[in-house]
Amino acid sequence: MYNIKDMLIISANASVNKFMDNLKSLVEQVISKHEPLKVTRRAGEAFVIVSAEDWGKALHVLQNRDLMQQIAAPS
């Protein structure tokens, strides 16, 4: 079963320069491993790259009260 709490963990990070230099491989990694990628600009602002499939799942969870309660419940 897909672990909802795993969707909330961002384990990979990259600078904007690294992201731009390795765009194809990093996007492939995000899609194939279902792991979001946090990309940070030099000034410190950041954005997250996530696959469309995982984004859809995240939206589903955010819109479902029962699933949100499961996330909030202690492990």
Protein backbone atom coordinates (compact mmCIF):
# COMPACT_ATOMS: atom_id res chain seq x y z
CA MET A 1 0.00 0.00 0.00
CA TYR A 2 1.15 3.54 -0.76
CA ASN A 3 2.32 5.24 2.44
CA ILE A 4 0.73 8.68 2.64
CA LYS A 5 3.36 10.01 5.06
CA ASP A 6 6.15 9.16 2.57
CA MET A 7 4.67 11.75 0.21
CA LEU A 8 5.55 14.46 2.72
CA ILE A 9 9.28 13.67 2.85
CA ILE A 10 11.67 15.49 0.53
CA SER A 11 14.93 13.58 0.62
CA ALA A 12 16.69 15.06 -2.43
CA ASN A 13 18.00 18.61 -2.81
CA ALA A 14 19.72 20.51 -5.62
CA SER A 15 20.81 24.02 -6.42
CA VAL A 16 19.18 25.75 -9.37
CA ASN A 17 22.44 25.43 -11.31
CA LYS A 18 22.65 21.69 -10.66
CA PHE A 19 18.98 21.33 -11.57
CA MET A 20 19.42 23.19 -14.86
CA ASP A 21 22.62 21.29 -15.74
CA ASN A 22 21.00 17.91 -15.01
CA LEU A 23 17.36 18.66 -15.85
CA LYS A 24 16.63 15.48 -17.81
CA SER A 25 18.16 13.05 -15.32
CA LEU A 26 16.73 14.80 -12.24
CA VAL A 27 13.22 14.90 -13.71
CA GLU A 28 13.53 11.21 -14.62
CA GLN A 29 14.59 10.47 -11.03
CA VAL A 30 11.61 12.40 -9.60
CA ILE A 31 9.22 10.47 -11.84
CA SER A 32 10.72 6.99 -11.53
CA LYS A 33 11.49 7.03 -7.80
CA HIS A 34 8.40 9.02 -6.76
CA GLU A 35 10.65 11.30 -4.71
CA PRO A 36 10.12 15.07 -4.73
CA LEU A 37 13.17 17.25 -5.39
CA LYS A 38 13.72 20.51 -3.52
CA VAL A 39 15.54 23.08 -5.68
CA THR A 40 17.06 26.05 -3.89
CA ARG A 41 18.04 29.38 -5.38
CA ARG A 42 21.20 31.22 -4.35
CA ALA A 43 19.15 33.70 -2.28
CA GLY A 44 17.59 30.81 -0.36
CA GLU A 45 14.13 30.64 -1.93
CA ALA A 46 13.15 27.12 -2.92
CA PHE A 47 10.63 25.22 -4.99
CA VAL A 48 9.72 21.55 -5.23
CA ILE A 49 9.58 19.35 -8.32
CA VAL A 50 7.09 16.48 -8.06
CA SER A 51 5.69 14.07 -10.65
CA ALA A 52 2.19 14.71 -11.95
CA GLU A 53 1.10 11.31 -10.60
CA ASP A 54 2.35 12.12 -7.10
CA TRP A 55 0.86 15.62 -7.25
CA GLY A 56 -2.52 14.10 -8.08
CA LYS A 57 -2.22 11.73 -5.12
CA ALA A 58 -1.26 14.60 -2.84
CA LEU A 59 -4.26 16.63 -3.95
CA HIS A 60 -6.51 13.64 -3.33
CA VAL A 61 -5.13 13.28 0.20
CA LEU A 62 -5.48 17.00 0.94
CA GLN A 63 -9.12 16.89 -0.13
CA ASN A 64 -9.95 13.78 1.92
CA ARG A 65 -10.70 14.42 5.60
CA ASP A 66 -10.19 10.75 6.64
CA LEU A 67 -6.75 10.57 5.01
CA MET A 68 -5.71 13.87 6.57
CA GLN A 69 -6.69 12.49 10.00
CA GLN A 70 -4.55 9.40 9.33
CA ILE A 71 -1.58 11.66 8.62
CA ALA A 72 -2.18 13.67 11.78
CA ALA A 73 -2.50 10.56 13.97
CA PRO A 74 0.60 9.55 15.92
CA SER A 75 2.54 6.61 14.49
